[in-house]
Amino acid sequence: MRKFYGVFCLFAVCFICGYSVIRYTTDESLIQRDPAAVRNNFDFSHLRGEKLHEAVKQRLLAGLELKKNAAGTGIGLGHFVFVNDMGEKTLACQQFSKISLSFEAEGVSVAGDKPVMEVEGRCEFSTDMARINPLFVPIAKILGEHPGDGEFQFNEGSVVTVRFSNLPEEWPRTWLLKSVKLLNEKESEALVVESDEVARYLGHPLVLNW
């Protein structure tokens, strides 16, 4: 009986130790962020060069969605898998840490220059990895501030920075999306969808009305 008890204790200790090693040496985020888990129609790892650039830009804009509520608007993008410069299959938000969305005001200008709004935040993907989580612009809070060039930082969930330049005395109420950027801060790398490409991939202008 004593021998059986000793064997049982040894087994229990080994099991606990083994589980602990596996538990703490396995990065759960890597399991949850496995590029292979993304649906095939968002996987561009087989593409290179211009075909890759075309596909990822189209995916970003094809997945664009606006989520509006009384406080403001969230702007989301499509997510994707591709092969980076190291030849590794990776998720967009693993390669690019930030998103930057640039808007121009419609129907107003200051000294010949249109007002510009830049919305910047972290690149974080949804649980199904098919979408980049929306950057939320708290429009109600912004409209409560005095119009002026400068920067606002909001902590409505993820941190979002909103910058303005060339503003008139009143807040513009109609903003047109001009560019989309994914930024890799460590490697000074960027994926940019320019103004003419935004309209082409969307098939129509994207207007944000306040």
C-alpha atoms as a PDB file:
ATOM      1  CA  MET A   1       0.000   0.000   0.000  1.00  0.00           C
ATOM      2  CA  ARG A   2       2.797   2.375   0.925  1.00  0.00           C
ATOM      3  CA  LYS A   3       4.565   1.533  -2.328  1.00  0.00           C
ATOM      4  CA  PHE A   4       1.371   2.260  -4.311  1.00  0.00           C
ATOM      5  CA  TYR A   5       0.946   5.567  -2.478  1.00  0.00           C
ATOM      6  CA  GLY A   6       4.532   6.545  -3.314  1.00  0.00           C
ATOM      7  CA  VAL A   7       4.060   5.705  -6.995  1.00  0.00           C
ATOM      8  CA  PHE A   8       0.799   7.706  -7.073  1.00  0.00           C
ATOM      9  CA  CYS A   9       2.473  10.735  -5.486  1.00  0.00           C
ATOM     10  CA  LEU A  10       5.373  10.524  -7.935  1.00  0.00           C
ATOM     11  CA  PHE A  11       2.929  10.342 -10.859  1.00  0.00           C
ATOM     12  CA  ALA A  12       0.960  13.320  -9.547  1.00  0.00           C
ATOM     13  CA  VAL A  13       4.113  15.422  -9.110  1.00  0.00           C
ATOM     14  CA  CYS A  14       5.331  14.544 -12.614  1.00  0.00           C
ATOM     15  CA  PHE A  15       1.933  15.372 -14.116  1.00  0.00           C
ATOM     16  CA  ILE A  16       1.764  18.762 -12.375  1.00  0.00           C
ATOM     17  CA  CYS A  17       5.334  19.636 -13.346  1.00  0.00           C
ATOM     18  CA  GLY A  18       4.784  18.556 -16.934  1.00  0.00           C
ATOM     19  CA  TYR A  19       1.565  20.521 -17.232  1.00  0.00           C
ATOM     20  CA  SER A  20       3.235  23.602 -15.733  1.00  0.00           C
ATOM     21  CA  VAL A  21       6.118  23.437 -18.196  1.00  0.00           C
ATOM     22  CA  ILE A  22       3.747  23.124 -21.145  1.00  0.00           C
ATOM     23  CA  ARG A  23       1.414  25.782 -19.794  1.00  0.00           C
ATOM     24  CA  TYR A  24       4.090  28.400 -19.226  1.00  0.00           C
ATOM     25  CA  THR A  25       6.284  27.706 -22.232  1.00  0.00           C
ATOM     26  CA  THR A  26       3.421  27.743 -24.723  1.00  0.00           C
ATOM     27  CA  ASP A  27       2.464  31.215 -25.873  1.00  0.00           C
ATOM     28  CA  GLU A  28      -1.349  31.093 -26.052  1.00  0.00           C
ATOM     29  CA  SER A  29      -1.378  34.197 -28.202  1.00  0.00           C
ATOM     30  CA  LEU A  30       0.640  32.336 -30.842  1.00  0.00           C
ATOM     31  CA  ILE A  31      -1.877  29.505 -30.797  1.00  0.00           C
ATOM     32  CA  GLN A  32      -4.743  31.952 -31.171  1.00  0.00           C
ATOM     33  CA  ARG A  33      -2.876  33.932 -33.837  1.00  0.00           C
ATOM     34  CA  ASP A  34      -1.821  31.067 -36.072  1.00  0.00           C
ATOM     35  CA  PRO A  35      -1.861  32.379 -39.659  1.00  0.00           C
ATOM     36  CA  ALA A  36      -3.079  28.982 -40.825  1.00  0.00           C
ATOM     37  CA  ALA A  37      -6.362  29.641 -38.999  1.00  0.00           C
ATOM     38  CA  VAL A  38      -7.317  32.488 -41.350  1.00  0.00           C
ATOM     39  CA  ARG A  39      -9.789  31.580 -44.078  1.00  0.00           C
ATOM     40  CA  ASN A  40      -8.195  30.776 -47.438  1.00  0.00           C
ATOM     41  CA  ASN A  41      -9.762  33.742 -49.227  1.00  0.00           C
ATOM     42  CA  PHE A  42      -7.842  36.088 -46.875  1.00  0.00           C
ATOM     43  CA  ASP A  43      -4.567  34.163 -47.234  1.00  0.00           C
ATOM     44  CA  PHE A  44      -2.243  35.784 -49.788  1.00  0.00           C
ATOM     45  CA  SER A  45       0.910  33.862 -48.839  1.00  0.00           C
ATOM     46  CA  HIS A  46       1.042  32.419 -52.374  1.00  0.00           C
ATOM     47  CA  LEU A  47       1.330  35.900 -53.928  1.00  0.00           C
ATOM     48  CA  ARG A  48       4.404  38.079 -54.482  1.00  0.00           C
ATOM     49  CA  GLY A  49       5.236  41.517 -55.881  1.00  0.00           C
ATOM     50  CA  GLU A  50       2.517  43.588 -57.520  1.00  0.00           C
ATOM     51  CA  LYS A  51      -0.082  40.836 -57.250  1.00  0.00           C
ATOM     52  CA  LEU A  52       0.443  40.749 -53.476  1.00  0.00           C
ATOM     53  CA  HIS A  53       0.262  44.538 -53.134  1.00  0.00           C
ATOM     54  CA  GLU A  54      -2.923  44.615 -55.180  1.00  0.00           C
ATOM     55  CA  ALA A  55      -4.544  41.813 -53.185  1.00  0.00           C
ATOM     56  CA  VAL A  56      -3.765  43.160 -49.699  1.00  0.00           C
ATOM     57  CA  LYS A  57      -4.875  46.686 -50.549  1.00  0.00           C
ATOM     58  CA  GLN A  58      -8.114  45.392 -51.984  1.00  0.00           C
ATOM     59  CA  ARG A  59      -8.655  43.215 -48.893  1.00  0.00           C
ATOM     60  CA  LEU A  60      -8.104  46.147 -46.523  1.00  0.00           C
ATOM     61  CA  LEU A  61     -10.744  48.237 -48.291  1.00  0.00           C
ATOM     62  CA  ALA A  62     -13.158  45.398 -49.118  1.00  0.00           C
ATOM     63  CA  GLY A  63     -13.338  44.643 -45.392  1.00  0.00           C
ATOM     64  CA  LEU A  64     -13.866  48.284 -44.401  1.00  0.00           C
ATOM     65  CA  GLU A  65     -16.880  48.871 -42.184  1.00  0.00           C
ATOM     66  CA  LEU A  66     -18.283  51.716 -40.101  1.00  0.00           C
ATOM     67  CA  LYS A  67     -19.834  51.052 -36.706  1.00  0.00           C
ATOM     68  CA  LYS A  68     -21.804  54.048 -35.485  1.00  0.00           C
ATOM     69  CA  ASN A  69     -23.367  54.856 -32.137  1.00  0.00           C
ATOM     70  CA  ALA A  70     -24.383  58.001 -30.247  1.00  0.00           C
ATOM     71  CA  ALA A  71     -20.810  58.623 -29.085  1.00  0.00           C
ATOM     72  CA  GLY A  72     -19.012  58.269 -32.400  1.00  0.00           C
ATOM     73  CA  THR A  73     -17.914  55.960 -35.197  1.00  0.00           C
ATOM     74  CA  GLY A  74     -15.621  52.935 -35.345  1.00  0.00           C
ATOM     75  CA  ILE A  75     -13.700  52.336 -38.584  1.00  0.00           C
ATOM     76  CA  GLY A  76     -12.620  48.742 -39.244  1.00  0.00           C
ATOM     77  CA  LEU A  77     -10.597  47.165 -42.071  1.00  0.00           C
ATOM     78  CA  GLY A  78     -10.115  43.749 -43.628  1.00  0.00           C
ATOM     79  CA  HIS A  79      -7.346  41.531 -42.246  1.00  0.00           C
ATOM     80  CA  PHE A  80      -5.110  39.106 -44.158  1.00  0.00           C
ATOM     81  CA  VAL A  81      -2.150  36.710 -44.181  1.00  0.00           C
ATOM     82  CA  PHE A  82       0.940  37.183 -46.343  1.00  0.00           C
ATOM     83  CA  VAL A  83       4.620  36.231 -46.524  1.00  0.00           C
ATOM     84  CA  ASN A  84       6.982  38.884 -45.131  1.00  0.00           C
ATOM     85  CA  ASP A  85      10.478  39.775 -46.356  1.00  0.00           C
ATOM     86  CA  MET A  86      11.928  36.962 -44.245  1.00  0.00           C
ATOM     87  CA  GLY A  87       9.817  34.426 -46.123  1.00  0.00           C
ATOM     88  CA  GLU A  88       7.603  33.824 -43.095  1.00  0.00           C
ATOM     89  CA  LYS A  89       3.846  33.437 -43.242  1.00  0.00           C
ATOM     90  CA  THR A  90       2.451  36.146 -40.969  1.00  0.00           C
ATOM     91  CA  LEU A  91      -0.683  38.077 -40.062  1.00  0.00           C
ATOM     92  CA  ALA A  92      -0.981  41.718 -41.098  1.00  0.00           C
ATOM     93  CA  CYS A  93      -1.241  42.959 -37.503  1.00  0.00           C
ATOM     94  CA  GLN A  94       1.803  40.906 -36.507  1.00  0.00           C
ATOM     95  CA  GLN A  95       3.888  42.690 -39.135  1.00  0.00           C
ATOM     96  CA  PHE A  96       2.317  46.148 -38.797  1.00  0.00           C
ATOM     97  CA  SER A  97       1.680  47.529 -35.332  1.00  0.00           C
ATOM     98  CA  LYS A  98      -0.255  50.702 -36.218  1.00  0.00           C
ATOM     99  CA  ILE A  99      -3.034  51.897 -38.502  1.00  0.00           C
ATOM    100  CA  SER A 100      -3.309  55.451 -39.800  1.00  0.00           C
ATOM    101  CA  LEU A 101      -6.417  56.747 -41.600  1.00  0.00           C
ATOM    102  CA  SER A 102      -6.256  60.139 -43.279  1.00  0.00           C
ATOM    103  CA  PHE A 103      -9.359  62.225 -44.073  1.00  0.00           C
ATOM    104  CA  GLU A 104      -9.968  65.566 -45.790  1.00  0.00           C
ATOM    105  CA  ALA A 105     -12.934  67.822 -45.042  1.00  0.00           C
ATOM    106  CA  GLU A 106     -15.367  68.405 -47.894  1.00  0.00           C
ATOM    107  CA  GLY A 107     -16.849  71.797 -48.793  1.00  0.00           C
ATOM    108  CA  VAL A 108     -14.456  73.913 -46.728  1.00  0.00           C
ATOM    109  CA  SER A 109     -10.873  75.191 -46.936  1.00  0.00           C
ATOM    110  CA  VAL A 110      -8.571  77.494 -44.981  1.00  0.00           C
ATOM    111  CA  ALA A 111      -6.232  79.716 -47.039  1.00  0.00           C
ATOM    112  CA  GLY A 112      -6.677  77.290 -49.921  1.00  0.00           C
ATOM    113  CA  ASP A 113      -5.882  74.181 -47.846  1.00  0.00           C
ATOM    114  CA  LYS A 114      -8.446  71.578 -46.899  1.00  0.00           C
ATOM    115  CA  PRO A 115      -8.777  70.581 -43.234  1.00  0.00           C
ATOM    116  CA  VAL A 116      -7.104  67.242 -42.535  1.00  0.00           C
ATOM    117  CA  MET A 117      -7.921  64.637 -39.885  1.00  0.00           C
ATOM    118  CA  GLU A 118      -5.603  61.718 -39.119  1.00  0.00           C
ATOM    119  CA  VAL A 119      -6.845  58.811 -37.002  1.00  0.00           C
ATOM    120  CA  GLU A 120      -4.145  56.522 -35.608  1.00  0.00           C
ATOM    121  CA  GLY A 121      -4.311  53.433 -33.395  1.00  0.00           C
ATOM    122  CA  ARG A 122      -3.050  49.916 -32.801  1.00  0.00           C
ATOM    123  CA  CYS A 123      -3.471  47.203 -35.413  1.00  0.00           C
ATOM    124  CA  GLU A 124      -5.479  44.560 -33.552  1.00  0.00           C
ATOM    125  CA  PHE A 125      -7.460  41.828 -35.266  1.00  0.00           C
ATOM    126  CA  SER A 126     -10.836  40.325 -34.394  1.00  0.00           C
ATOM    127  CA  THR A 127     -11.346  36.924 -32.780  1.00  0.00           C
ATOM    128  CA  ASP A 128     -11.954  35.282 -36.179  1.00  0.00           C
ATOM    129  CA  MET A 129      -8.850  37.073 -37.539  1.00  0.00           C
ATOM    130  CA  ALA A 130     -10.761  38.146 -40.671  1.00  0.00           C
ATOM    131  CA  ARG A 131     -11.002  41.801 -39.640  1.00  0.00           C
ATOM    132  CA  ILE A 132      -8.894  44.508 -38.051  1.00  0.00           C
ATOM    133  CA  ASN A 133     -10.712  45.847 -34.996  1.00  0.00           C
ATOM    134  CA  PRO A 134     -12.270  49.297 -35.559  1.00  0.00           C
ATOM    135  CA  LEU A 135     -10.536  52.495 -34.497  1.00  0.00           C
ATOM    136  CA  PHE A 136     -13.183  54.400 -32.571  1.00  0.00           C
ATOM    137  CA  VAL A 137     -13.485  58.158 -33.176  1.00  0.00           C
ATOM    138  CA  PRO A 138     -15.447  59.735 -30.287  1.00  0.00           C
ATOM    139  CA  ILE A 139     -17.157  62.388 -32.406  1.00  0.00           C
ATOM    140  CA  ALA A 140     -19.384  63.693 -29.606  1.00  0.00           C
ATOM    141  CA  LYS A 141     -16.348  64.453 -27.430  1.00  0.00           C
ATOM    142  CA  ILE A 142     -14.486  66.135 -30.292  1.00  0.00           C
ATOM    143  CA  LEU A 143     -17.435  68.374 -31.138  1.00  0.00           C
ATOM    144  CA  GLY A 144     -17.480  69.449 -27.502  1.00  0.00           C
ATOM    145  CA  GLU A 145     -13.974  70.886 -27.915  1.00  0.00           C
ATOM    146  CA  HIS A 146     -13.002  74.202 -29.496  1.00  0.00           C
ATOM    147  CA  PRO A 147     -11.856  73.660 -33.123  1.00  0.00           C
ATOM    148  CA  GLY A 148      -8.120  74.084 -33.572  1.00  0.00           C
ATOM    149  CA  ASP A 149      -5.052  72.379 -35.003  1.00  0.00           C
ATOM    150  CA  GLY A 150      -3.592  69.827 -32.639  1.00  0.00           C
ATOM    151  CA  GLU A 151      -3.913  66.341 -31.259  1.00  0.00           C
ATOM    152  CA  PHE A 152      -6.458  64.480 -29.138  1.00  0.00           C
ATOM    153  CA  GLN A 153      -5.826  61.139 -27.464  1.00  0.00           C
ATOM    154  CA  PHE A 154      -8.707  58.934 -26.378  1.00  0.00           C
ATOM    155  CA  ASN A 155      -8.787  55.762 -24.316  1.00  0.00           C
ATOM    156  CA  GLU A 156     -12.142  54.316 -25.368  1.00  0.00           C
ATOM    157  CA  GLY A 157     -10.886  50.727 -25.188  1.00  0.00           C
ATOM    158  CA  SER A 158      -7.765  50.832 -27.352  1.00  0.00           C
ATOM    159  CA  VAL A 159      -5.866  54.135 -27.430  1.00  0.00           C
ATOM    160  CA  VAL A 160      -6.717  56.236 -30.480  1.00  0.00           C
ATOM    161  CA  THR A 161      -4.957  59.473 -31.480  1.00  0.00           C
ATOM    162  CA  VAL A 162      -6.806  62.008 -33.652  1.00  0.00           C
ATOM    163  CA  ARG A 163      -4.828  64.880 -35.219  1.00  0.00           C
ATOM    164  CA  PHE A 164      -6.243  67.933 -36.988  1.00  0.00           C
ATOM    165  CA  SER A 165      -4.665  70.570 -39.223  1.00  0.00           C
ATOM    166  CA  ASN A 166      -5.944  73.527 -41.286  1.00  0.00           C
ATOM    167  CA  LEU A 167      -9.142  73.716 -39.261  1.00  0.00           C
ATOM    168  CA  PRO A 168     -11.638  76.570 -39.715  1.00  0.00           C
ATOM    169  CA  GLU A 169     -13.488  78.249 -36.816  1.00  0.00           C
ATOM    170  CA  GLU A 170     -16.179  75.566 -36.835  1.00  0.00           C
ATOM    171  CA  TRP A 171     -15.802  71.802 -36.976  1.00  0.00           C
ATOM    172  CA  PRO A 172     -16.200  70.389 -40.501  1.00  0.00           C
ATOM    173  CA  ARG A 173     -19.022  67.839 -40.584  1.00  0.00           C
ATOM    174  CA  THR A 174     -18.147  65.878 -43.739  1.00  0.00           C
ATOM    175  CA  TRP A 175     -14.858  63.984 -44.043  1.00  0.00           C
ATOM    176  CA  LEU A 176     -13.617  62.007 -47.051  1.00  0.00           C
ATOM    177  CA  LEU A 177     -11.210  59.076 -46.588  1.00  0.00           C
ATOM    178  CA  LYS A 178      -7.987  59.857 -48.495  1.00  0.00           C
ATOM    179  CA  SER A 179      -5.497  57.174 -47.462  1.00  0.00           C
ATOM    180  CA  VAL A 180      -4.994  54.053 -45.359  1.00  0.00           C
ATOM    181  CA  LYS A 181      -1.617  53.100 -43.886  1.00  0.00           C
ATOM    182  CA  LEU A 182      -0.351  50.071 -41.988  1.00  0.00           C
ATOM    183  CA  LEU A 183       2.847  51.002 -40.152  1.00  0.00           C
ATOM    184  CA  ASN A 184       5.727  48.907 -38.815  1.00  0.00           C
ATOM    185  CA  GLU A 185       7.415  51.276 -36.358  1.00  0.00           C
ATOM    186  CA  LYS A 186      10.427  49.048 -35.674  1.00  0.00           C
ATOM    187  CA  GLU A 187      11.439  48.656 -39.309  1.00  0.00           C
ATOM    188  CA  SER A 188      10.097  51.982 -40.634  1.00  0.00           C
ATOM    189  CA  GLU A 189       7.984  49.967 -43.062  1.00  0.00           C
ATOM    190  CA  ALA A 190       4.556  50.975 -44.360  1.00  0.00           C
ATOM    191  CA  LEU A 191       1.791  49.595 -46.530  1.00  0.00           C
ATOM    192  CA  VAL A 192      -0.030  52.576 -48.057  1.00  0.00           C
ATOM    193  CA  VAL A 193      -3.318  52.761 -49.942  1.00  0.00           C
ATOM    194  CA  GLU A 194      -3.292  56.138 -51.686  1.00  0.00           C
ATOM    195  CA  SER A 195      -6.254  58.404 -52.463  1.00  0.00           C
ATOM    196  CA  ASP A 196      -6.920  57.162 -56.003  1.00  0.00           C
ATOM    197  CA  GLU A 197      -6.596  53.551 -54.850  1.00  0.00           C
ATOM    198  CA  VAL A 198      -9.112  54.071 -52.021  1.00  0.00           C
ATOM    199  CA  ALA A 199     -11.814  55.095 -54.495  1.00  0.00           C
ATOM    200  CA  ARG A 200     -10.851  52.313 -56.927  1.00  0.00           C
ATOM    201  CA  TYR A 201     -10.878  49.466 -54.410  1.00  0.00           C
ATOM    202  CA  LEU A 202     -14.016  50.663 -52.632  1.00  0.00           C
ATOM    203  CA  GLY A 203     -15.826  51.501 -55.819  1.00  0.00           C
ATOM    204  CA  HIS A 204     -17.121  54.709 -54.229  1.00  0.00           C
ATOM    205  CA  PRO A 205     -15.861  57.494 -51.940  1.00  0.00           C
ATOM    206  CA  LEU A 206     -16.008  56.778 -48.211  1.00  0.00           C
ATOM    207  CA  VAL A 207     -17.607  59.723 -46.426  1.00  0.00           C
ATOM    208  CA  LEU A 208     -17.708  60.124 -42.644  1.00  0.00           C
ATOM    209  CA  ASN A 209     -20.559  62.425 -41.619  1.00  0.00           C
ATOM    210  CA  TRP A 210     -20.542  63.991 -38.158  1.00  0.00           C
END
